[in-house]
Amino acid sequence: MVNTQSLINRALEGLDYVGFQLEALGVTDKVNRHNVIAFIFAEQKNLEGQIDSFNAKVGTQKVRLERLRDLAEKRVQEGVELALIPARTALDTLNSLKARLG
């Protein structure tokens, strides 16, 4: 099994070699392990920020859905209570009549 650190070191040495060759040709001096590592860390932070933003949006939508569910449950309960008013009134009237006749 190949050691991970050994692979990383080989990759960085190869990157240094490519950067040295490009610099020798006058193409660029920006290809080196430091710039690549800085780029990777910057992209990592960018990705973390995007993930945090996504999580915040998901959390906001979750709260909205919970509020909507609570409101729907409240409206259903109010509707049931409203629908029961005639039945309760009739029952109260019957009980009142029973008490008077009783």
Protein backbone atom coordinates (compact mmCIF):
# COMPACT_ATOMS: atom_id res chain seq x y z
CA MET A 1 0.00 0.00 0.00
CA VAL A 2 1.31 3.44 -0.92
CA ASN A 3 1.78 6.00 1.80
CA THR A 4 -0.52 9.03 1.38
CA GLN A 5 2.14 11.48 2.50
CA SER A 6 4.56 10.03 -0.05
CA LEU A 7 1.98 10.55 -2.81
CA ILE A 8 1.37 14.12 -1.71
CA ASN A 9 5.10 14.85 -1.65
CA ARG A 10 5.55 13.40 -5.14
CA ALA A 11 2.64 15.45 -6.47
CA LEU A 12 4.05 18.63 -4.94
CA GLU A 13 7.50 17.91 -6.33
CA GLY A 14 5.97 17.39 -9.76
CA LEU A 15 4.09 20.64 -9.42
CA ASP A 16 7.30 22.42 -8.43
CA TYR A 17 9.04 20.94 -11.47
CA VAL A 18 6.28 22.08 -13.84
CA GLY A 19 6.34 25.54 -12.26
CA PHE A 20 10.13 25.73 -12.60
CA GLN A 21 9.95 24.72 -16.27
CA LEU A 22 7.21 27.27 -17.00
CA GLU A 23 9.20 29.97 -15.24
CA ALA A 24 12.34 29.03 -17.17
CA LEU A 25 10.38 29.40 -20.42
CA GLY A 26 9.10 32.79 -19.27
CA VAL A 27 5.47 31.66 -19.38
CA THR A 28 4.51 32.24 -15.74
CA ASP A 29 5.93 32.21 -12.25
CA LYS A 30 2.55 31.55 -10.62
CA VAL A 31 2.65 27.74 -10.74
CA ASN A 32 4.08 26.55 -7.44
CA ARG A 33 2.93 24.62 -4.41
CA HIS A 34 2.23 27.75 -2.39
CA ASN A 35 -0.10 29.29 -4.95
CA VAL A 36 -1.87 25.99 -5.56
CA ILE A 37 -2.35 25.38 -1.83
CA ALA A 38 -3.60 28.96 -1.39
CA PHE A 39 -6.04 28.42 -4.28
CA ILE A 40 -7.27 25.14 -2.78
CA PHE A 41 -7.81 26.74 0.64
CA ALA A 42 -9.61 29.71 -0.92
CA GLU A 43 -11.90 27.37 -2.86
CA GLN A 44 -12.50 25.31 0.28
CA LYS A 45 -13.60 28.44 2.16
CA ASN A 46 -15.77 29.44 -0.80
CA LEU A 47 -17.42 26.02 -0.78
CA GLU A 48 -17.96 26.19 2.99
CA GLY A 49 -19.62 29.58 2.54
CA GLN A 50 -21.90 28.23 -0.16
CA ILE A 51 -22.84 25.26 2.02
CA ASP A 52 -23.59 27.59 4.96
CA SER A 53 -25.74 29.75 2.68
CA PHE A 54 -27.61 26.69 1.42
CA ASN A 55 -28.16 25.47 5.00
CA ALA A 56 -29.49 28.89 5.98
CA LYS A 57 -31.94 28.85 3.06
CA VAL A 58 -33.07 25.34 3.96
CA GLY A 59 -33.55 26.41 7.59
CA THR A 60 -35.59 29.42 6.53
CA GLN A 61 -37.83 27.30 4.33
CA LYS A 62 -38.22 24.76 7.14
CA VAL A 63 -39.39 27.49 9.52
CA ARG A 64 -41.83 28.79 6.90
CA LEU A 65 -43.26 25.32 6.35
CA GLU A 66 -43.62 24.75 10.09
CA ARG A 67 -45.47 28.06 10.46
CA LEU A 68 -47.72 27.19 7.53
CA ARG A 69 -48.45 23.76 9.02
CA ASP A 70 -49.26 25.33 12.41
CA LEU A 71 -51.55 27.87 10.75
CA ALA A 72 -53.31 25.12 8.75
CA GLU A 73 -53.81 23.05 11.93
CA LYS A 74 -55.22 26.12 13.71
CA ARG A 75 -57.63 26.85 10.83
CA VAL A 76 -58.81 23.24 10.74
CA GLN A 77 -59.43 23.29 14.50
CA GLU A 78 -61.31 26.59 14.20
CA GLY A 79 -63.38 25.10 11.35
CA VAL A 80 -64.25 22.04 13.43
CA GLU A 81 -65.26 24.25 16.36
CA LEU A 82 -67.42 26.39 14.04
CA ALA A 83 -69.04 23.31 12.51
CA LEU A 84 -69.89 21.95 15.98
CA ILE A 85 -71.72 25.11 17.14
CA PRO A 86 -75.13 24.05 15.72
CA ALA A 87 -74.81 20.55 17.23
CA ARG A 88 -73.82 21.95 20.62
CA THR A 89 -76.65 24.46 20.50
CA ALA A 90 -79.13 21.69 19.68
CA LEU A 91 -77.75 19.50 22.47
CA ASP A 92 -77.96 22.35 24.96
CA THR A 93 -81.55 23.02 23.89
CA LEU A 94 -82.47 19.33 24.30
CA ASN A 95 -80.85 19.17 27.71
CA SER A 96 -82.68 22.31 28.74
CA LEU A 97 -86.00 20.84 27.60
CA LYS A 98 -85.28 17.56 29.44
CA ALA A 99 -84.56 19.49 32.60
CA ARG A 100 -87.83 21.42 32.35
CA LEU A 101 -89.91 18.35 31.55
CA GLY A 102 -88.04 16.12 33.78
